[in-house]
Structures are given as C-alpha cells and as structure tokens.
Amino acid sequence: MHKTRIFAAYLPQYHETEDNDRFWGKGYTDWVGVKKASPQFKGHVQPKIPLDDLYYDLTDIDAIRWQAGLAKKYGVDGFNIYHYWFKDGKQELEKPAELLLDNKDIDIGYFFTWDNNAWKRTWGNISGNDWAPVFDLTRSDTGAVLVDFSYGDQEKWEEHFYYLLQFFKDDRYLKIDNKPVFMLIGISELNTLKKMVDHWQVLAREHGFDGMFIATKRKNFFSQKIFDAQFSYEPETSAWGKRRAIEARVKKAFGIQLKRDKPVKYIYDYEKIWKRILRNAKKSTKDKIIGSFVRYDDTPRRGKDAMIVLGETPQLFEKYTKRLYKLAQKSECEIFLITAWNEWGEGAYLEPDAKDRYKYLQALKRAIES
C-alpha cells in the first residue's frame, strides 16, 4: 500500500532574537504570550501549560533531539519547518533548522514552508504577518513594517537558492520524485514569483535533482496552473459569526456563558470543522497534500480577538484523523499535513501538555496504525 507521510507544522520561534527583543520586549518568544494568556469565559482552559513545565529553548540541540524522538515514536515522519527569508536575504528564526542540519544523528524528516510575507505591526495597513498583537501597545516605535519583504532580482534568488541547497542535499529533507518539497504561504507578485521558481527549477536540475516540488496555499486559482500542488493549513474556519450572533448557540452547544466584559469575537465547533475537512477531501482525491489539525485557540496572541475552536477531545481527534488518513492512503496522497507540532501560541500542538499529557499523540498513533 502507498505510504502517505505525516508531517507536522513546526514553529522555530522559541528562542531569543535581537529583532524579537526590539519588537516585543527583551526575552520575547511565543512562550511569553502562552504563559500570560487568560481565560475568555468560564470553562476556557488558558493558559496552556507544557507537560513538566518544559518551556524549551530551540537553540538547545537536546530540545530538538527530544522533539524528533517523540514525533517518531508516535508516528510523525517529519516536521514542516517555517522558513523566514526577507528583503535582501535577511533571515529570522533560522537557527533551529541549521542546528538540525548540522546534527545528522537526529532521525527525523523535514521540509520548509516559506512564509513569504512581511512582518508588520498589528495596526499596519499592509499585507503581512502580525506576530504578537497582544503585545503591540504602541504606534510610534518602529513603524508599521517590522521586517520588509521582497523577492529581489535574480542575484537575490540565487543567494536564497544556494542557502536552501545545503538542506535539499540532506538525505532527511523530503523529496517527491527526486524533487525537494518547498511550500509557499504567500502568492503576491505572482509573475515575479513564477520567474523566480522557474529559475530555481533550472538550478535544482543543475545540482542533481529533477527540479523542485513547489506547493502554494490553496487560495489562488492561477497558482493551480503554475505549481505542483496546493495545500490548506487547517483549520480554515468558517465563522459562526461575531459574538452577539453566537452567544445563544455557544451556550446551547457547550454549556458556556460568555462574559460580558470579555467579548470573544470568533468561536468555532471542532466537529463541524473536521466534517468540512472530510467533505473537501472526498471531493479532491487527486490532491498531493491533505491538511488536518489537532486543536486551535490563538488567545495567547490575540486576546479577545482570538479564534477559538471548542469541543475538541483526543477521542474526536483520533476518530476524524483515522477517516482522513484512510482517504489520503486510498488516493495515494503524498503528505498528510497536521497543524501543528508546536504552535502553542495558537493552541495547535501535538506536544504533551499538563492537561492531556500524551493523549493526542497516542490518538494519532492509533489512528494511523489502524
């Protein structure tokens, strides 16, 4: 039977950087937000606490070695590592991947997803990622753009490619048909992006590969015609609506009374999201990549503007993962993508926590083995 490989999204953010210190305060990592998160309503489990208070630092190779061993034990084939490369070759959060590359004894597969967007302040009226809006209290510090983004010219494309090449040559880096897998979150400046990718394809062939396997986020019709595949980072939630429209339904479905002084904007139903994922998977039997998720609650980053998925349990995660993985196997899908291994700031993680311990990891292992 065809083996669909399981990769979990991996955030390399858990270490200090000069820019994070400058943007959000000395010592900032996502752990700061995770620890400070507060419940938005009665019964809301916040903050999320890692098992044994393991607030690791990803510049410690033993932390990465522990993650890899745990992932392999419970059936995860590898990590889909976020990659940050900005204007003029500026990088962010690259150290964990470089440590993994340098330590060949760590037995875990991996590939990159390039978050090819600018980093911006929450209030900035530009396209990009806002990392820590809960901590963004000023409009007078460094301006709307924190780190600017540009693809640059051919010289910059080659600089980027040759940085990536050292990873592509690693036997642990995921290839499909001798093509290194590389995913793109953004698809802005599509014409420039296509020219850059076409040039990369030539360079990849010159270095012994059969090109690159490029996947883009499922949100642009034209990119379907240009690249090898599309992917979805779940949950791509369909909102119940704003708080005033959902209060009665939340109370009925979950027995939760929302607090008037903490108006949560968006709440979603775990099973409804999973049923939508399954429906879409049944319609898209030729997809090379299928997206799934563990759970989701980005209160640590967004506070009262959080998107919160309610109703999750290890049992439901196992039930729906089993169904989706079976579909993936049947359709000979290449990658079963899980959000996430360690997105603690978004409440999307497989790593053990103080509440559920190893139950989600155990559920995953049972689902794929059955």
Protein backbone atom coordinates (compact mmCIF):
# COMPACT_ATOMS: atom_id res chain seq x y z
CA MET A 1 0.00 0.00 0.00
CA HIS A 2 1.09 3.57 -0.72
CA LYS A 3 2.58 5.27 2.35
CA THR A 4 1.25 8.77 2.94
CA ARG A 5 3.85 10.52 5.05
CA ILE A 6 2.81 12.52 8.10
CA PHE A 7 4.37 15.94 8.63
CA ALA A 8 3.51 18.32 11.44
CA ALA A 9 3.92 22.09 11.10
CA TYR A 10 6.89 23.21 13.18
CA LEU A 11 7.42 26.70 14.58
CA PRO A 12 11.11 27.57 15.18
CA GLN A 13 10.23 30.65 17.20
CA TYR A 14 11.18 29.51 20.72
CA HIS A 15 14.49 31.28 21.16
CA GLU A 16 15.56 34.85 21.70
CA THR A 17 16.48 37.03 18.74
CA GLU A 18 17.60 40.64 18.54
CA ASP A 19 14.59 41.59 16.45
CA ASN A 20 12.05 39.95 18.76
CA ASP A 21 13.67 41.75 21.69
CA ARG A 22 13.36 45.02 19.78
CA PHE A 23 9.78 44.48 18.55
CA TRP A 24 8.09 42.91 21.58
CA GLY A 25 10.43 43.30 24.56
CA LYS A 26 13.57 41.69 25.95
CA GLY A 27 13.38 37.90 26.04
CA TYR A 28 10.23 37.64 23.92
CA THR A 29 9.32 34.29 22.39
CA ASP A 30 5.88 32.73 21.96
CA TRP A 31 6.29 31.28 25.46
CA VAL A 32 5.77 34.80 26.86
CA GLY A 33 2.30 35.00 25.32
CA VAL A 34 1.47 31.40 26.20
CA LYS A 35 2.24 31.98 29.88
CA LYS A 36 0.28 35.25 30.06
CA ALA A 37 -2.88 34.05 28.29
CA SER A 38 -6.07 34.35 30.34
CA PRO A 39 -9.48 32.63 30.07
CA GLN A 40 -12.04 34.49 27.97
CA PHE A 41 -15.06 32.76 29.51
CA LYS A 42 -15.93 30.28 32.22
CA GLY A 43 -14.51 26.86 31.37
CA HIS A 44 -11.98 28.25 28.89
CA VAL A 45 -8.68 26.43 29.50
CA GLN A 46 -5.96 29.08 29.43
CA PRO A 47 -3.04 29.27 29.79
CA LYS A 48 -1.87 26.09 28.08
CA ILE A 49 0.98 24.54 30.06
CA PRO A 50 3.58 22.16 28.59
CA LEU A 51 3.95 18.88 30.45
CA ASP A 52 6.51 19.21 33.26
CA ASP A 53 6.77 22.96 32.51
CA LEU A 54 9.02 22.20 29.54
CA TYR A 55 9.36 25.71 28.12
CA TYR A 56 12.27 24.71 25.88
CA ASP A 57 14.76 26.87 24.01
CA LEU A 58 15.28 25.77 20.40
CA THR A 59 18.92 26.83 20.38
CA ASP A 60 19.43 23.78 22.63
CA ILE A 61 20.04 20.81 20.35
CA ASP A 62 18.81 18.43 23.05
CA ALA A 63 15.38 20.08 22.86
CA ILE A 64 15.24 19.40 19.11
CA ARG A 65 16.50 15.86 19.66
CA TRP A 66 13.73 15.29 22.22
CA GLN A 67 11.08 16.63 19.82
CA ALA A 68 12.29 14.40 16.99
CA GLY A 69 12.36 11.28 19.15
CA LEU A 70 8.87 11.94 20.46
CA ALA A 71 7.50 12.60 16.98
CA LYS A 72 8.94 9.39 15.53
CA LYS A 73 7.68 7.35 18.47
CA TYR A 74 4.08 8.39 17.80
CA GLY A 75 4.09 8.09 14.01
CA VAL A 76 5.12 11.55 12.76
CA ASP A 77 7.51 11.20 9.82
CA GLY A 78 8.81 14.72 9.98
CA PHE A 79 8.47 18.43 10.57
CA ASN A 80 7.24 21.08 8.15
CA ILE A 81 9.51 23.89 9.33
CA TYR A 82 8.53 27.52 8.81
CA HIS A 83 11.21 29.38 6.84
CA TYR A 84 11.62 33.18 7.02
CA TRP A 85 13.64 34.91 4.28
CA PHE A 86 13.02 38.60 3.69
CA LYS A 87 14.29 41.51 1.62
CA ASP A 88 17.99 41.41 0.72
CA GLY A 89 18.45 37.98 2.25
CA LYS A 90 17.56 38.92 5.83
CA GLN A 91 16.58 35.85 7.83
CA GLU A 92 14.65 35.25 11.02
CA LEU A 93 14.36 32.18 13.26
CA GLU A 94 16.75 30.12 11.13
CA LYS A 95 18.88 28.67 13.94
CA PRO A 96 16.79 25.56 14.82
CA ALA A 97 16.79 24.33 11.20
CA GLU A 98 20.53 24.96 10.93
CA LEU A 99 21.10 23.01 14.14
CA LEU A 100 19.04 20.13 12.75
CA LEU A 101 21.08 20.18 9.53
CA ASP A 102 24.35 20.04 11.47
CA ASN A 103 23.25 17.09 13.63
CA LYS A 104 22.79 14.20 11.22
CA ASP A 105 22.16 11.74 14.07
CA ILE A 106 18.69 13.21 14.64
CA ASP A 107 16.40 10.83 12.78
CA ILE A 108 13.54 12.99 11.54
CA GLY A 109 12.39 14.07 8.10
CA TYR A 110 11.70 17.72 7.34
CA PHE A 111 10.97 20.27 4.65
CA PHE A 112 10.36 24.02 4.54
CA THR A 113 7.32 26.22 4.21
CA TRP A 114 8.39 29.74 3.28
CA ASP A 115 6.25 32.39 4.94
CA ASN A 116 6.97 34.82 2.13
CA ASN A 117 5.36 37.90 3.66
CA ALA A 118 6.48 40.99 5.52
CA TRP A 119 6.29 41.11 9.29
CA LYS A 120 4.12 44.01 10.39
CA ARG A 121 2.68 45.64 13.46
CA THR A 122 -0.92 44.71 14.22
CA TRP A 123 -2.22 48.12 13.22
CA GLY A 124 -0.22 48.35 9.98
CA ASN A 125 -2.39 48.77 6.91
CA ILE A 126 -0.20 46.46 4.81
CA SER A 127 -0.21 42.82 3.82
CA GLY A 128 1.83 40.56 6.09
CA ASN A 129 2.11 38.66 9.33
CA ASP A 130 1.46 40.29 12.70
CA TRP A 131 3.25 38.14 15.23
CA ALA A 132 2.18 39.33 18.66
CA PRO A 133 -0.76 41.77 18.56
CA VAL A 134 -1.50 41.35 22.28
CA PHE A 135 1.91 42.90 22.97
CA ASP A 136 1.66 45.63 20.35
CA LEU A 137 0.87 48.66 22.50
CA THR A 138 2.50 51.48 20.56
CA ARG A 139 2.21 53.09 17.14
CA SER A 140 5.35 55.16 17.50
CA ASP A 141 8.12 52.59 17.87
CA THR A 142 9.45 51.08 14.63
CA GLY A 143 6.65 51.86 12.17
CA ALA A 144 4.08 49.59 10.57
CA VAL A 145 6.62 47.34 8.82
CA LEU A 146 8.83 45.36 11.18
CA VAL A 147 10.71 43.34 8.55
CA ASP A 148 10.23 44.25 4.90
CA PHE A 149 9.75 41.62 2.21
CA SER A 150 10.85 41.48 -1.41
CA TYR A 151 11.81 38.68 -3.81
CA GLY A 152 14.59 40.84 -5.23
CA ASP A 153 16.37 40.22 -8.53
CA GLN A 154 17.98 37.10 -9.99
CA GLU A 155 21.10 37.58 -7.88
CA LYS A 156 18.96 37.50 -4.72
CA TRP A 157 17.01 34.47 -5.99
CA GLU A 158 20.30 32.58 -6.38
CA GLU A 159 21.53 33.65 -2.95
CA HIS A 160 18.34 32.22 -1.46
CA PHE A 161 18.51 29.02 -3.52
CA TYR A 162 22.10 28.26 -2.54
CA TYR A 163 21.24 28.72 1.11
CA LEU A 164 18.41 26.20 0.69
CA LEU A 165 20.57 23.80 -1.34
CA GLN A 166 22.52 22.64 1.71
CA PHE A 167 19.21 21.45 3.20
CA PHE A 168 17.98 19.93 -0.06
CA LYS A 169 21.13 17.77 -0.18
CA ASP A 170 20.38 16.38 3.28
CA ASP A 171 19.03 12.81 2.98
CA ARG A 172 16.40 13.66 5.61
CA TYR A 173 14.93 16.51 3.53
CA LEU A 174 11.68 15.39 1.89
CA LYS A 175 11.72 14.77 -1.86
CA ILE A 176 8.94 13.70 -4.19
CA ASP A 177 10.22 12.11 -7.41
CA ASN A 178 13.71 13.42 -6.63
CA LYS A 179 12.35 16.94 -6.19
CA PRO A 180 12.87 18.79 -2.86
CA VAL A 181 9.50 19.82 -1.45
CA PHE A 182 9.08 23.54 -0.80
CA MET A 183 5.79 25.19 0.17
CA LEU A 184 4.82 28.86 -0.16
CA ILE A 185 2.29 30.62 2.04
CA GLY A 186 2.14 33.89 0.09
CA ILE A 187 1.46 34.28 -3.62
CA SER A 188 1.83 38.04 -4.00
CA GLU A 189 3.64 39.34 -7.09
CA LEU A 190 2.73 36.14 -8.88
CA ASN A 191 4.63 36.95 -12.08
CA THR A 192 7.85 37.62 -10.18
CA LEU A 193 7.29 34.54 -8.05
CA LYS A 194 6.87 32.37 -11.15
CA LYS A 195 10.08 33.73 -12.72
CA MET A 196 11.99 33.04 -9.52
CA VAL A 197 10.62 29.50 -9.21
CA ASP A 198 11.38 28.79 -12.88
CA HIS A 199 14.98 29.86 -12.25
CA TRP A 200 15.14 27.67 -9.15
CA GLN A 201 13.93 24.70 -11.21
CA VAL A 202 16.90 25.16 -13.56
CA LEU A 203 19.34 25.45 -10.65
CA ALA A 204 17.88 22.36 -8.96
CA ARG A 205 18.40 20.29 -12.12
CA GLU A 206 21.97 21.55 -12.38
CA HIS A 207 22.60 20.15 -8.89
CA GLY A 208 21.31 16.63 -9.47
CA PHE A 209 17.59 16.96 -8.73
CA ASP A 210 14.70 16.61 -11.15
CA GLY A 211 13.54 20.10 -10.25
CA MET A 212 11.68 21.32 -7.15
CA PHE A 213 8.22 20.27 -5.94
CA ILE A 214 6.51 23.61 -5.23
CA ALA A 215 3.18 23.85 -3.40
CA THR A 216 1.20 27.01 -2.73
CA LYS A 217 -1.53 27.77 -0.24
CA ARG A 218 -4.99 26.98 -1.57
CA LYS A 219 -6.35 30.45 -2.25
CA ASN A 220 -5.45 31.40 -5.81
CA PHE A 221 -6.91 29.83 -8.95
CA PHE A 222 -3.99 30.85 -11.16
CA SER A 223 -1.37 29.22 -8.94
CA GLN A 224 -3.05 25.86 -9.65
CA LYS A 225 -1.83 26.13 -13.23
CA ILE A 226 1.72 27.14 -12.32
CA PHE A 227 2.91 24.99 -9.42
CA ASP A 228 2.90 21.29 -8.49
CA ALA A 229 0.28 21.25 -5.75
CA GLN A 230 -1.82 23.27 -3.34
CA PHE A 231 -2.26 22.83 0.39
CA SER A 232 -4.51 24.01 3.20
CA TYR A 233 -3.42 24.87 6.69
CA GLU A 234 -6.33 23.76 8.81
CA PRO A 235 -8.45 24.91 10.42
CA GLU A 236 -9.60 27.26 7.69
CA THR A 237 -12.53 28.10 9.87
CA SER A 238 -15.99 29.07 8.65
CA ALA A 239 -17.09 31.55 11.28
CA TRP A 240 -20.26 31.14 13.27
CA GLY A 241 -20.34 34.91 13.27
CA LYS A 242 -19.47 37.68 15.70
CA ARG A 243 -20.08 37.26 19.40
CA ARG A 244 -23.51 38.87 19.51
CA ALA A 245 -24.74 36.33 16.94
CA ILE A 246 -23.27 33.25 18.58
CA GLU A 247 -23.84 33.68 22.31
CA ALA A 248 -27.02 31.58 22.43
CA ARG A 249 -25.55 28.85 20.24
CA VAL A 250 -22.36 28.63 22.30
CA LYS A 251 -24.38 28.31 25.49
CA LYS A 252 -26.58 25.61 23.94
CA ALA A 253 -23.76 23.63 22.33
CA PHE A 254 -21.11 23.84 25.03
CA GLY A 255 -22.88 25.00 28.18
CA ILE A 256 -20.73 28.13 28.21
CA GLN A 257 -21.86 31.57 29.27
CA LEU A 258 -19.68 34.21 27.66
CA LYS A 259 -18.54 37.06 29.88
CA ARG A 260 -19.88 40.48 29.03
CA ASP A 261 -16.57 42.12 29.94
CA LYS A 262 -14.57 39.83 27.61
CA PRO A 263 -16.35 39.80 24.26
CA VAL A 264 -14.83 36.93 22.26
CA LYS A 265 -15.28 37.61 18.56
CA TYR A 266 -14.96 34.19 16.96
CA ILE A 267 -15.81 30.71 18.24
CA TYR A 268 -15.94 27.56 16.14
CA ASP A 269 -17.13 23.98 16.52
CA TYR A 270 -14.46 21.25 16.37
CA GLU A 271 -16.60 18.57 14.77
CA LYS A 272 -18.07 20.92 12.17
CA ILE A 273 -14.59 21.88 11.03
CA TRP A 274 -13.49 18.25 10.79
CA LYS A 275 -16.61 17.29 8.82
CA ARG A 276 -15.87 20.07 6.35
CA ILE A 277 -12.28 18.84 6.00
CA LEU A 278 -13.53 15.34 5.24
CA ARG A 279 -16.09 16.59 2.71
CA ASN A 280 -13.44 18.56 0.88
CA ALA A 281 -11.02 15.62 0.92
CA LYS A 282 -13.64 13.36 -0.69
CA LYS A 283 -14.04 15.90 -3.49
CA SER A 284 -10.30 16.33 -4.04
CA THR A 285 -9.00 12.80 -4.48
CA LYS A 286 -6.06 13.93 -6.64
CA ASP A 287 -4.54 16.22 -4.02
CA LYS A 288 -0.90 15.54 -3.19
CA ILE A 289 -1.22 17.25 0.19
CA ILE A 290 -4.09 16.92 2.68
CA GLY A 291 -4.36 19.28 5.64
CA SER A 292 -5.63 18.46 9.13
CA PHE A 293 -5.36 19.89 12.63
CA VAL A 294 -5.17 18.91 16.28
CA ARG A 295 -6.95 21.82 18.01
CA TYR A 296 -6.89 25.61 17.81
CA ASP A 297 -7.09 28.61 20.18
CA ASP A 298 -4.91 31.66 19.50
CA THR A 299 -5.85 33.53 22.69
CA PRO A 300 -2.15 33.91 23.67
CA ARG A 301 -1.57 36.05 20.58
CA ARG A 302 -4.93 37.74 20.03
CA GLY A 303 -6.70 38.02 23.38
CA LYS A 304 -10.35 38.99 22.94
CA ASP A 305 -9.91 38.84 19.14
CA ALA A 306 -8.95 35.17 19.33
CA MET A 307 -10.29 32.42 17.12
CA ILE A 308 -11.26 29.61 19.48
CA VAL A 309 -12.27 26.09 18.47
CA LEU A 310 -14.37 24.37 21.11
CA GLY A 311 -15.38 20.76 21.62
CA GLU A 312 -12.07 19.05 20.92
CA THR A 313 -11.12 15.77 22.61
CA PRO A 314 -8.40 13.19 21.93
CA GLN A 315 -11.16 10.72 21.02
CA LEU A 316 -12.61 13.01 18.34
CA PHE A 317 -9.13 13.79 17.01
CA GLU A 318 -8.47 10.07 16.66
CA LYS A 319 -11.84 9.40 15.02
CA TYR A 320 -11.50 12.06 12.34
CA THR A 321 -7.77 11.60 11.78
CA LYS A 322 -8.38 7.92 11.11
CA ARG A 323 -11.03 8.73 8.49
CA LEU A 324 -8.97 11.40 6.78
CA TYR A 325 -5.77 9.35 6.78
CA LYS A 326 -7.65 6.45 5.23
CA LEU A 327 -8.81 8.76 2.43
CA ALA A 328 -5.25 10.03 1.98
CA GLN A 329 -3.90 6.50 1.67
CA LYS A 330 -6.61 5.47 -0.77
CA SER A 331 -5.97 8.46 -3.04
CA GLU A 332 -2.17 7.96 -2.79
CA CYS A 333 -1.70 11.39 -1.27
CA GLU A 334 1.97 12.21 -0.60
CA ILE A 335 1.75 14.39 2.53
CA PHE A 336 -0.68 14.34 5.45
CA LEU A 337 -0.08 17.77 6.96
CA ILE A 338 -1.01 18.39 10.61
CA THR A 339 -1.37 21.79 12.28
CA ALA A 340 0.71 21.56 14.34
CA TRP A 341 3.59 20.09 16.29
CA ASN A 342 4.29 23.11 18.50
CA GLU A 343 2.14 26.15 17.67
CA TRP A 344 1.50 26.84 21.35
CA GLY A 345 0.61 30.49 20.67
CA GLU A 346 -2.27 29.23 18.51
CA GLY A 347 -3.22 26.34 20.78
CA ALA A 348 -2.35 23.98 17.91
CA TYR A 349 0.09 21.38 19.15
CA LEU A 350 0.74 17.65 19.46
CA GLU A 351 3.38 18.05 22.15
CA PRO A 352 2.24 16.84 25.59
CA ASP A 353 0.65 19.35 27.94
CA ALA A 354 -0.29 19.35 31.61
CA LYS A 355 -3.99 18.73 30.90
CA ASP A 356 -3.97 15.92 28.32
CA ARG A 357 -0.39 14.68 28.67
CA TYR A 358 0.30 12.29 25.74
CA LYS A 359 -3.32 11.62 24.79
CA TYR A 360 -3.27 13.43 21.42
CA LEU A 361 -0.03 11.75 20.41
CA GLN A 362 -1.43 8.38 21.42
CA ALA A 363 -4.62 9.13 19.47
CA LEU A 364 -2.57 9.93 16.36
CA LYS A 365 -0.59 6.72 16.63
CA ARG A 366 -3.75 4.61 16.99
CA ALA A 367 -5.42 6.41 14.08
CA ILE A 368 -2.64 5.80 11.58
CA GLU A 369 -1.83 2.26 12.73
CA SER A 370 -5.43 1.15 12.42
